[in-house]
Amino acid sequence: MNKINRSDIEAAAKLSRIELDSKNINSITEDFGSILNFVEIIQKAETGGVAPTSQVTGLNDVWRDDEVVKSEVEPRVLIDSAPETLDGYVKVKKVL
């Protein structure tokens, strides 16, 4: 039972500015239909006696505290070992 059709996929692709060919639209429509059918099955699962949870391990805040450690290496040695530097800093490619 597909609750999603070709026009739904075309509309979503247009909003997402994704170009899809006819073959992809048909395949995606079938895939989304299968996913929605699976979600429908999951929604029918009896969960009345199950307490809501957001995680199941019971662990809370398992991170360690940050500790300042004095480095044995001088900062200048680290800067000098970098492939490229600029004004005393390591130069890296721009990431946007």
PDB file of N, CA and C in Angstrom:
ATOM      1  N   MET A   1       0.848  -1.174   0.000  1.00  0.00           N
ATOM      2  CA  MET A   1       0.000   0.000   0.000  1.00  0.00           C
ATOM      3  C   MET A   1       0.896   1.241   0.000  1.00  0.00           C
ATOM      4  N   ASN A   2       1.119   1.812  -1.181  1.00  0.00           N
ATOM      5  CA  ASN A   2       1.930   3.018  -1.278  1.00  0.00           C
ATOM      6  C   ASN A   2       1.119   4.237  -0.892  1.00  0.00           C
ATOM      7  N   LYS A   3       1.653   5.018   0.027  1.00  0.00           N
ATOM      8  CA  LYS A   3       1.004   6.254   0.421  1.00  0.00           C
ATOM      9  C   LYS A   3       1.710   7.441  -0.213  1.00  0.00           C
ATOM     10  N   ILE A   4       2.679   7.160  -1.039  1.00  0.00           N
ATOM     11  CA  ILE A   4       3.430   8.212  -1.709  1.00  0.00           C
ATOM     12  C   ILE A   4       3.412   7.912  -3.198  1.00  0.00           C
ATOM     13  N   ASN A   5       3.306   8.951  -4.001  1.00  0.00           N
ATOM     14  CA  ASN A   5       3.241   8.715  -5.441  1.00  0.00           C
ATOM     15  C   ASN A   5       4.316   9.517  -6.166  1.00  0.00           C
ATOM     16  N   ARG A   6       4.343   9.337  -7.451  1.00  0.00           N
ATOM     17  CA  ARG A   6       5.359   9.959  -8.296  1.00  0.00           C
ATOM     18  C   ARG A   6       5.369  11.480  -8.136  1.00  0.00           C
ATOM     19  N   SER A   7       4.194  12.082  -8.077  1.00  0.00           N
ATOM     20  CA  SER A   7       4.139  13.546  -7.971  1.00  0.00           C
ATOM     21  C   SER A   7       4.713  14.023  -6.630  1.00  0.00           C
ATOM     22  N   ASP A   8       4.567  13.216  -5.574  1.00  0.00           N
ATOM     23  CA  ASP A   8       5.175  13.562  -4.282  1.00  0.00           C
ATOM     24  C   ASP A   8       6.702  13.600  -4.395  1.00  0.00           C
ATOM     25  N   ILE A   9       7.260  12.596  -5.064  1.00  0.00           N
ATOM     26  CA  ILE A   9       8.712  12.524  -5.246  1.00  0.00           C
ATOM     27  C   ILE A   9       9.193  13.677  -6.114  1.00  0.00           C
ATOM     28  N   GLU A  10       8.463  13.967  -7.188  1.00  0.00           N
ATOM     29  CA  GLU A  10       8.845  15.076  -8.068  1.00  0.00           C
ATOM     30  C   GLU A  10       8.815  16.401  -7.313  1.00  0.00           C
ATOM     31  N   ALA A  11       7.800  16.594  -6.476  1.00  0.00           N
ATOM     32  CA  ALA A  11       7.693  17.833  -5.700  1.00  0.00           C
ATOM     33  C   ALA A  11       8.844  17.944  -4.698  1.00  0.00           C
ATOM     34  N   ALA A  12       9.159  16.841  -4.018  1.00  0.00           N
ATOM     35  CA  ALA A  12      10.261  16.852  -3.052  1.00  0.00           C
ATOM     36  C   ALA A  12      11.594  17.111  -3.752  1.00  0.00           C
ATOM     37  N   ALA A  13      11.779  16.511  -4.916  1.00  0.00           N
ATOM     38  CA  ALA A  13      13.012  16.726  -5.677  1.00  0.00           C
ATOM     39  C   ALA A  13      13.131  18.186  -6.109  1.00  0.00           C
ATOM     40  N   LYS A  14      12.026  18.759  -6.530  1.00  0.00           N
ATOM     41  CA  LYS A  14      12.043  20.159  -6.958  1.00  0.00           C
ATOM     42  C   LYS A  14      12.386  21.069  -5.778  1.00  0.00           C
ATOM     43  N   LEU A  15      11.759  20.837  -4.628  1.00  0.00           N
ATOM     44  CA  LEU A  15      12.045  21.642  -3.438  1.00  0.00           C
ATOM     45  C   LEU A  15      13.492  21.480  -2.981  1.00  0.00           C
ATOM     46  N   SER A  16      14.033  20.277  -3.168  1.00  0.00           N
ATOM     47  CA  SER A  16      15.407  19.989  -2.760  1.00  0.00           C
ATOM     48  C   SER A  16      16.415  20.381  -3.829  1.00  0.00           C
ATOM     49  N   ARG A  17      15.895  20.807  -4.969  1.00  0.00           N
ATOM     50  CA  ARG A  17      16.735  21.153  -6.124  1.00  0.00           C
ATOM     51  C   ARG A  17      17.604  19.976  -6.542  1.00  0.00           C
ATOM     52  N   ILE A  18      16.968  18.810  -6.578  1.00  0.00           N
ATOM     53  CA  ILE A  18      17.620  17.582  -7.023  1.00  0.00           C
ATOM     54  C   ILE A  18      17.000  17.198  -8.352  1.00  0.00           C
ATOM     55  N   GLU A  19      17.848  16.941  -9.320  1.00  0.00           N
ATOM     56  CA  GLU A  19      17.349  16.540 -10.631  1.00  0.00           C
ATOM     57  C   GLU A  19      17.301  15.013 -10.697  1.00  0.00           C
ATOM     58  N   LEU A  20      16.122  14.481 -10.969  1.00  0.00           N
ATOM     59  CA  LEU A  20      15.937  13.037 -11.064  1.00  0.00           C
ATOM     60  C   LEU A  20      15.407  12.681 -12.440  1.00  0.00           C
ATOM     61  N   ASP A  21      15.912  11.576 -12.996  1.00  0.00           N
ATOM     62  CA  ASP A  21      15.338  11.111 -14.257  1.00  0.00           C
ATOM     63  C   ASP A  21      14.172  10.175 -13.959  1.00  0.00           C
ATOM     64  N   SER A  22      13.450   9.798 -14.981  1.00  0.00           N
ATOM     65  CA  SER A  22      12.227   9.010 -14.818  1.00  0.00           C
ATOM     66  C   SER A  22      12.490   7.683 -14.099  1.00  0.00           C
ATOM     67  N   LYS A  23      13.600   7.035 -14.448  1.00  0.00           N
ATOM     68  CA  LYS A  23      13.942   5.751 -13.830  1.00  0.00           C
ATOM     69  C   LYS A  23      14.163   5.925 -12.321  1.00  0.00           C
ATOM     70  N   ASN A  24      14.880   6.980 -11.951  1.00  0.00           N
ATOM     71  CA  ASN A  24      15.137   7.236 -10.530  1.00  0.00           C
ATOM     72  C   ASN A  24      13.859   7.560  -9.777  1.00  0.00           C
ATOM     73  N   ILE A  25      12.977   8.324 -10.399  1.00  0.00           N
ATOM     74  CA  ILE A  25      11.723   8.688  -9.740  1.00  0.00           C
ATOM     75  C   ILE A  25      10.908   7.438  -9.436  1.00  0.00           C
ATOM     76  N   ASN A  26      10.822   6.532 -10.404  1.00  0.00           N
ATOM     77  CA  ASN A  26      10.070   5.290 -10.184  1.00  0.00           C
ATOM     78  C   ASN A  26      10.691   4.465  -9.056  1.00  0.00           C
ATOM     79  N   SER A  27      12.009   4.342  -9.070  1.00  0.00           N
ATOM     80  CA  SER A  27      12.704   3.558  -8.050  1.00  0.00           C
ATOM     81  C   SER A  27      12.535   4.180  -6.662  1.00  0.00           C
ATOM     82  N   ILE A  28      12.683   5.494  -6.587  1.00  0.00           N
ATOM     83  CA  ILE A  28      12.553   6.184  -5.303  1.00  0.00           C
ATOM     84  C   ILE A  28      11.124   6.096  -4.788  1.00  0.00           C
ATOM     85  N   THR A  29      10.156   6.191  -5.679  1.00  0.00           N
ATOM     86  CA  THR A  29       8.754   6.068  -5.276  1.00  0.00           C
ATOM     87  C   THR A  29       8.505   4.704  -4.643  1.00  0.00           C
ATOM     88  N   GLU A  30       9.034   3.654  -5.266  1.00  0.00           N
ATOM     89  CA  GLU A  30       8.885   2.304  -4.708  1.00  0.00           C
ATOM     90  C   GLU A  30       9.602   2.185  -3.360  1.00  0.00           C
ATOM     91  N   ASP A  31      10.816   2.731  -3.283  1.00  0.00           N
ATOM     92  CA  ASP A  31      11.588   2.658  -2.037  1.00  0.00           C
ATOM     93  C   ASP A  31      10.870   3.377  -0.899  1.00  0.00           C
ATOM     94  N   PHE A  32      10.377   4.580  -1.178  1.00  0.00           N
ATOM     95  CA  PHE A  32       9.663   5.321  -0.141  1.00  0.00           C
ATOM     96  C   PHE A  32       8.390   4.590   0.270  1.00  0.00           C
ATOM     97  N   GLY A  33       7.719   3.978  -0.691  1.00  0.00           N
ATOM     98  CA  GLY A  33       6.528   3.198  -0.369  1.00  0.00           C
ATOM     99  C   GLY A  33       6.858   2.064   0.581  1.00  0.00           C
ATOM    100  N   SER A  34       7.966   1.368   0.317  1.00  0.00           N
ATOM    101  CA  SER A  34       8.397   0.274   1.195  1.00  0.00           C
ATOM    102  C   SER A  34       8.744   0.786   2.585  1.00  0.00           C
ATOM    103  N   ILE A  35       9.418   1.913   2.636  1.00  0.00           N
ATOM    104  CA  ILE A  35       9.788   2.495   3.930  1.00  0.00           C
ATOM    105  C   ILE A  35       8.542   2.870   4.716  1.00  0.00           C
ATOM    106  N   LEU A  36       7.593   3.505   4.059  1.00  0.00           N
ATOM    107  CA  LEU A  36       6.365   3.902   4.746  1.00  0.00           C
ATOM    108  C   LEU A  36       5.567   2.692   5.211  1.00  0.00           C
ATOM    109  N   ASN A  37       5.558   1.615   4.411  1.00  0.00           N
ATOM    110  CA  ASN A  37       4.893   0.383   4.837  1.00  0.00           C
ATOM    111  C   ASN A  37       5.562  -0.181   6.092  1.00  0.00           C
ATOM    112  N   PHE A  38       6.888  -0.149   6.125  1.00  0.00           N
ATOM    113  CA  PHE A  38       7.614  -0.640   7.291  1.00  0.00           C
ATOM    114  C   PHE A  38       7.298   0.213   8.517  1.00  0.00           C
ATOM    115  N   VAL A  39       7.269   1.525   8.350  1.00  0.00           N
ATOM    116  CA  VAL A  39       6.945   2.424   9.462  1.00  0.00           C
ATOM    117  C   VAL A  39       5.540   2.131   9.978  1.00  0.00           C
ATOM    118  N   GLU A  40       4.622   1.850   9.072  1.00  0.00           N
ATOM    119  CA  GLU A  40       3.245   1.528   9.471  1.00  0.00           C
ATOM    120  C   GLU A  40       3.217   0.260  10.330  1.00  0.00           C
ATOM    121  N   ILE A  41       4.012  -0.733   9.943  1.00  0.00           N
ATOM    122  CA  ILE A  41       4.091  -1.976  10.720  1.00  0.00           C
ATOM    123  C   ILE A  41       4.660  -1.693  12.107  1.00  0.00           C
ATOM    124  N   ILE A  42       5.719  -0.904  12.164  1.00  0.00           N
ATOM    125  CA  ILE A  42       6.345  -0.564  13.445  1.00  0.00           C
ATOM    126  C   ILE A  42       5.366   0.189  14.339  1.00  0.00           C
ATOM    127  N   GLN A  43       4.584   1.087  13.755  1.00  0.00           N
ATOM    128  CA  GLN A  43       3.632   1.871  14.540  1.00  0.00           C
ATOM    129  C   GLN A  43       2.542   1.000  15.154  1.00  0.00           C
ATOM    130  N   LYS A  44       2.280  -0.160  14.565  1.00  0.00           N
ATOM    131  CA  LYS A  44       1.249  -1.059  15.085  1.00  0.00           C
ATOM    132  C   LYS A  44       1.758  -1.925  16.239  1.00  0.00           C
ATOM    133  N   ALA A  45       3.049  -1.875  16.514  1.00  0.00           N
ATOM    134  CA  ALA A  45       3.622  -2.693  17.586  1.00  0.00           C
ATOM    135  C   ALA A  45       3.029  -2.283  18.928  1.00  0.00           C
ATOM    136  N   GLU A  46       2.730  -3.286  19.757  1.00  0.00           N
ATOM    137  CA  GLU A  46       2.155  -3.032  21.075  1.00  0.00           C
ATOM    138  C   GLU A  46       3.265  -2.572  22.016  1.00  0.00           C
ATOM    139  N   THR A  47       3.172  -1.345  22.475  1.00  0.00           N
ATOM    140  CA  THR A  47       4.191  -0.790  23.361  1.00  0.00           C
ATOM    141  C   THR A  47       3.591  -0.262  24.660  1.00  0.00           C
ATOM    142  N   GLY A  48       2.375  -0.687  24.968  1.00  0.00           N
ATOM    143  CA  GLY A  48       1.679  -0.178  26.144  1.00  0.00           C
ATOM    144  C   GLY A  48       2.410  -0.399  27.450  1.00  0.00           C
ATOM    145  N   GLY A  49       3.081  -1.539  27.615  1.00  0.00           N
ATOM    146  CA  GLY A  49       3.752  -1.839  28.873  1.00  0.00           C
ATOM    147  C   GLY A  49       5.219  -1.458  28.888  1.00  0.00           C
ATOM    148  N   VAL A  50       5.658  -0.727  27.885  1.00  0.00           N
ATOM    149  CA  VAL A  50       7.072  -0.377  27.783  1.00  0.00           C
ATOM    150  C   VAL A  50       7.257   1.089  28.142  1.00  0.00           C
ATOM    151  N   ALA A  51       8.156   1.343  29.077  1.00  0.00           N
ATOM    152  CA  ALA A  51       8.420   2.734  29.476  1.00  0.00           C
ATOM    153  C   ALA A  51       9.190   3.453  28.373  1.00  0.00           C
ATOM    154  N   PRO A  52       8.823   4.693  28.104  1.00  0.00           N
ATOM    155  CA  PRO A  52       9.560   5.458  27.086  1.00  0.00           C
ATOM    156  C   PRO A  52      11.012   5.661  27.512  1.00  0.00           C
ATOM    157  N   THR A  53      11.923   5.516  26.572  1.00  0.00           N
ATOM    158  CA  THR A  53      13.340   5.740  26.850  1.00  0.00           C
ATOM    159  C   THR A  53      13.969   6.511  25.701  1.00  0.00           C
ATOM    160  N   SER A  54      15.053   7.178  25.999  1.00  0.00           N
ATOM    161  CA  SER A  54      15.811   7.840  24.943  1.00  0.00           C
ATOM    162  C   SER A  54      17.124   7.113  24.700  1.00  0.00           C
ATOM    163  N   GLN A  55      17.519   6.275  25.640  1.00  0.00           N
ATOM    164  CA  GLN A  55      18.695   5.426  25.478  1.00  0.00           C
ATOM    165  C   GLN A  55      18.546   4.241  26.419  1.00  0.00           C
ATOM    166  N   VAL A  56      19.290   3.182  26.168  1.00  0.00           N
ATOM    167  CA  VAL A  56      19.044   1.945  26.906  1.00  0.00           C
ATOM    168  C   VAL A  56      20.210   1.486  27.775  1.00  0.00           C
ATOM    169  N   THR A  57      21.331   2.185  27.764  1.00  0.00           N
ATOM    170  CA  THR A  57      22.494   1.705  28.513  1.00  0.00           C
ATOM    171  C   THR A  57      22.484   2.123  29.969  1.00  0.00           C
ATOM    172  N   GLY A  58      21.790   3.207  30.295  1.00  0.00           N
ATOM    173  CA  GLY A  58      21.792   3.703  31.654  1.00  0.00           C
ATOM    174  C   GLY A  58      23.017   4.529  31.999  1.00  0.00           C
ATOM    175  N   LEU A  59      23.934   4.668  31.046  1.00  0.00           N
ATOM    176  CA  LEU A  59      25.146   5.442  31.300  1.00  0.00           C
ATOM    177  C   LEU A  59      24.858   6.929  31.157  1.00  0.00           C
ATOM    178  N   ASN A  60      25.418   7.710  32.059  1.00  0.00           N
ATOM    179  CA  ASN A  60      25.281   9.160  31.994  1.00  0.00           C
ATOM    180  C   ASN A  60      26.648   9.802  32.092  1.00  0.00           C
ATOM    181  N   ASP A  61      26.933  10.731  31.211  1.00  0.00           N
ATOM    182  CA  ASP A  61      28.144  11.540  31.252  1.00  0.00           C
ATOM    183  C   ASP A  61      29.383  10.681  31.488  1.00  0.00           C
ATOM    184  N   VAL A  62      29.736   9.879  30.505  1.00  0.00           N
ATOM    185  CA  VAL A  62      30.874   8.977  30.653  1.00  0.00           C
ATOM    186  C   VAL A  62      32.188   9.615  30.206  1.00  0.00           C
ATOM    187  N   TRP A  63      32.160  10.902  29.928  1.00  0.00           N
ATOM    188  CA  TRP A  63      33.372  11.596  29.487  1.00  0.00           C
ATOM    189  C   TRP A  63      34.244  11.939  30.687  1.00  0.00           C
ATOM    190  N   ARG A  64      35.521  11.976  30.474  1.00  0.00           N
ATOM    191  CA  ARG A  64      36.444  12.370  31.537  1.00  0.00           C
ATOM    192  C   ARG A  64      36.600  13.887  31.529  1.00  0.00           C
ATOM    193  N   ASP A  65      37.048  14.435  32.633  1.00  0.00           N
ATOM    194  CA  ASP A  65      37.323  15.864  32.709  1.00  0.00           C
ATOM    195  C   ASP A  65      38.573  16.192  31.901  1.00  0.00           C
ATOM    196  N   ASP A  66      38.594  17.367  31.301  1.00  0.00           N
ATOM    197  CA  ASP A  66      39.781  17.827  30.592  1.00  0.00           C
ATOM    198  C   ASP A  66      40.880  18.136  31.595  1.00  0.00           C
ATOM    199  N   GLU A  67      42.081  17.754  31.243  1.00  0.00           N
ATOM    200  CA  GLU A  67      43.223  18.044  32.096  1.00  0.00           C
ATOM    201  C   GLU A  67      44.291  18.738  31.263  1.00  0.00           C
ATOM    202  N   VAL A  68      44.815  19.833  31.777  1.00  0.00           N
ATOM    203  CA  VAL A  68      45.893  20.542  31.099  1.00  0.00           C
ATOM    204  C   VAL A  68      47.173  19.746  31.302  1.00  0.00           C
ATOM    205  N   VAL A  69      47.860  19.465  30.202  1.00  0.00           N
ATOM    206  CA  VAL A  69      49.099  18.699  30.257  1.00  0.00           C
ATOM    207  C   VAL A  69      50.198  19.544  29.622  1.00  0.00           C
ATOM    208  N   LYS A  70      51.277  19.695  30.311  1.00  0.00           N
ATOM    209  CA  LYS A  70      52.410  20.460  29.791  1.00  0.00           C
ATOM    210  C   LYS A  70      53.109  19.621  28.736  1.00  0.00           C
ATOM    211  N   SER A  71      53.211  20.167  27.531  1.00  0.00           N
ATOM    212  CA  SER A  71      53.863  19.464  26.437  1.00  0.00           C
ATOM    213  C   SER A  71      55.374  19.572  26.576  1.00  0.00           C
ATOM    214  N   GLU A  72      56.044  18.502  26.227  1.00  0.00           N
ATOM    215  CA  GLU A  72      57.504  18.522  26.264  1.00  0.00           C
ATOM    216  C   GLU A  72      58.081  19.085  24.976  1.00  0.00           C
ATOM    217  N   VAL A  73      57.231  19.302  23.984  1.00  0.00           N
ATOM    218  CA  VAL A  73      57.683  19.818  22.699  1.00  0.00           C
ATOM    219  C   VAL A  73      57.413  21.319  22.657  1.00  0.00           C
ATOM    220  N   GLU A  74      58.393  22.072  22.261  1.00  0.00           N
ATOM    221  CA  GLU A  74      58.235  23.519  22.153  1.00  0.00           C
ATOM    222  C   GLU A  74      57.310  23.853  20.980  1.00  0.00           C
ATOM    223  N   PRO A  75      56.421  24.832  21.140  1.00  0.00           N
ATOM    224  CA  PRO A  75      55.512  25.217  20.050  1.00  0.00           C
ATOM    225  C   PRO A  75      56.246  25.534  18.750  1.00  0.00           C
ATOM    226  N   ARG A  76      57.405  26.165  18.827  1.00  0.00           N
ATOM    227  CA  ARG A  76      58.161  26.522  17.619  1.00  0.00           C
ATOM    228  C   ARG A  76      58.531  25.269  16.829  1.00  0.00           C
ATOM    229  N   VAL A  77      58.879  24.191  17.507  1.00  0.00           N
ATOM    230  CA  VAL A  77      59.243  22.933  16.837  1.00  0.00           C
ATOM    231  C   VAL A  77      58.039  22.394  16.070  1.00  0.00           C
ATOM    232  N   LEU A  78      56.861  22.472  16.675  1.00  0.00           N
ATOM    233  CA  LEU A  78      55.650  21.999  16.001  1.00  0.00           C
ATOM    234  C   LEU A  78      55.334  22.861  14.784  1.00  0.00           C
ATOM    235  N   ILE A  79      55.436  24.178  14.932  1.00  0.00           N
ATOM    236  CA  ILE A  79      55.168  25.087  13.812  1.00  0.00           C
ATOM    237  C   ILE A  79      56.162  24.831  12.687  1.00  0.00           C
ATOM    238  N   ASP A  80      57.416  24.671  13.022  1.00  0.00           N
ATOM    239  CA  ASP A  80      58.449  24.445  12.007  1.00  0.00           C
ATOM    240  C   ASP A  80      58.272  23.122  11.279  1.00  0.00           C
ATOM    241  N   SER A  81      57.608  22.159  11.899  1.00  0.00           N
ATOM    242  CA  SER A  81      57.420  20.860  11.249  1.00  0.00           C
ATOM    243  C   SER A  81      56.191  20.830  10.337  1.00  0.00           C
ATOM    244  N   ALA A  82      55.388  21.893  10.347  1.00  0.00           N
ATOM    245  CA  ALA A  82      54.192  21.951   9.495  1.00  0.00           C
ATOM    246  C   ALA A  82      54.604  22.178   8.045  1.00  0.00           C
ATOM    247  N   PRO A  83      53.851  21.606   7.087  1.00  0.00           N
ATOM    248  CA  PRO A  83      54.179  21.790   5.672  1.00  0.00           C
ATOM    249  C   PRO A  83      54.131  23.259   5.240  1.00  0.00           C
ATOM    250  N   GLU A  84      53.157  24.010   5.758  1.00  0.00           N
ATOM    251  CA  GLU A  84      53.036  25.429   5.419  1.00  0.00           C
ATOM    252  C   GLU A  84      52.678  26.214   6.669  1.00  0.00           C
ATOM    253  N   THR A  85      53.263  27.409   6.796  1.00  0.00           N
ATOM    254  CA  THR A  85      52.935  28.289   7.914  1.00  0.00           C
ATOM    255  C   THR A  85      52.707  29.700   7.395  1.00  0.00           C
ATOM    256  N   LEU A  86      52.030  30.494   8.201  1.00  0.00           N
ATOM    257  CA  LEU A  86      51.783  31.893   7.866  1.00  0.00           C
ATOM    258  C   LEU A  86      51.732  32.678   9.170  1.00  0.00           C
ATOM    259  N   ASP A  87      52.632  33.615   9.325  1.00  0.00           N
ATOM    260  CA  ASP A  87      52.685  34.471  10.514  1.00  0.00           C
ATOM    261  C   ASP A  87      52.730  33.670  11.816  1.00  0.00           C
ATOM    262  N   GLY A  88      53.469  32.577  11.813  1.00  0.00           N
ATOM    263  CA  GLY A  88      53.624  31.799  13.034  1.00  0.00           C
ATOM    264  C   GLY A  88      52.503  30.812  13.320  1.00  0.00           C
ATOM    265  N   TYR A  89      51.602  30.616  12.361  1.00  0.00           N
ATOM    266  CA  TYR A  89      50.499  29.663  12.515  1.00  0.00           C
ATOM    267  C   TYR A  89      50.592  28.607  11.417  1.00  0.00           C
ATOM    268  N   VAL A  90      50.016  27.438  11.664  1.00  0.00           N
ATOM    269  CA  VAL A  90      49.952  26.404  10.642  1.00  0.00           C
ATOM    270  C   VAL A  90      48.924  26.832   9.608  1.00  0.00           C
ATOM    271  N   LYS A  91      49.323  26.816   8.342  1.00  0.00           N
ATOM    272  CA  LYS A  91      48.421  27.210   7.258  1.00  0.00           C
ATOM    273  C   LYS A  91      47.719  25.958   6.734  1.00  0.00           C
ATOM    274  N   VAL A  92      46.394  26.018   6.677  1.00  0.00           N
ATOM    275  CA  VAL A  92      45.594  24.897   6.177  1.00  0.00           C
ATOM    276  C   VAL A  92      44.647  25.400   5.100  1.00  0.00           C
ATOM    277  N   LYS A  93      44.111  24.473   4.317  1.00  0.00           N
ATOM    278  CA  LYS A  93      43.145  24.845   3.286  1.00  0.00           C
ATOM    279  C   LYS A  93      41.850  25.294   3.929  1.00  0.00           C
ATOM    280  N   LYS A  94      41.198  26.224   3.264  1.00  0.00           N
ATOM    281  CA  LYS A  94      39.925  26.741   3.744  1.00  0.00           C
ATOM    282  C   LYS A  94      38.862  25.650   3.636  1.00  0.00           C
ATOM    283  N   VAL A  95      38.060  25.477   4.672  1.00  0.00           N
ATOM    284  CA  VAL A  95      36.981  24.494   4.676  1.00  0.00           C
ATOM    285  C   VAL A  95      35.673  25.238   4.867  1.00  0.00           C
ATOM    286  N   LEU A  96      34.828  25.184   3.872  1.00  0.00           N
ATOM    287  CA  LEU A  96      33.537  25.874   3.950  1.00  0.00           C
ATOM    288  C   LEU A  96      32.416  24.907   3.705  1.00  0.00           C
TER     289      LEU A  96
END
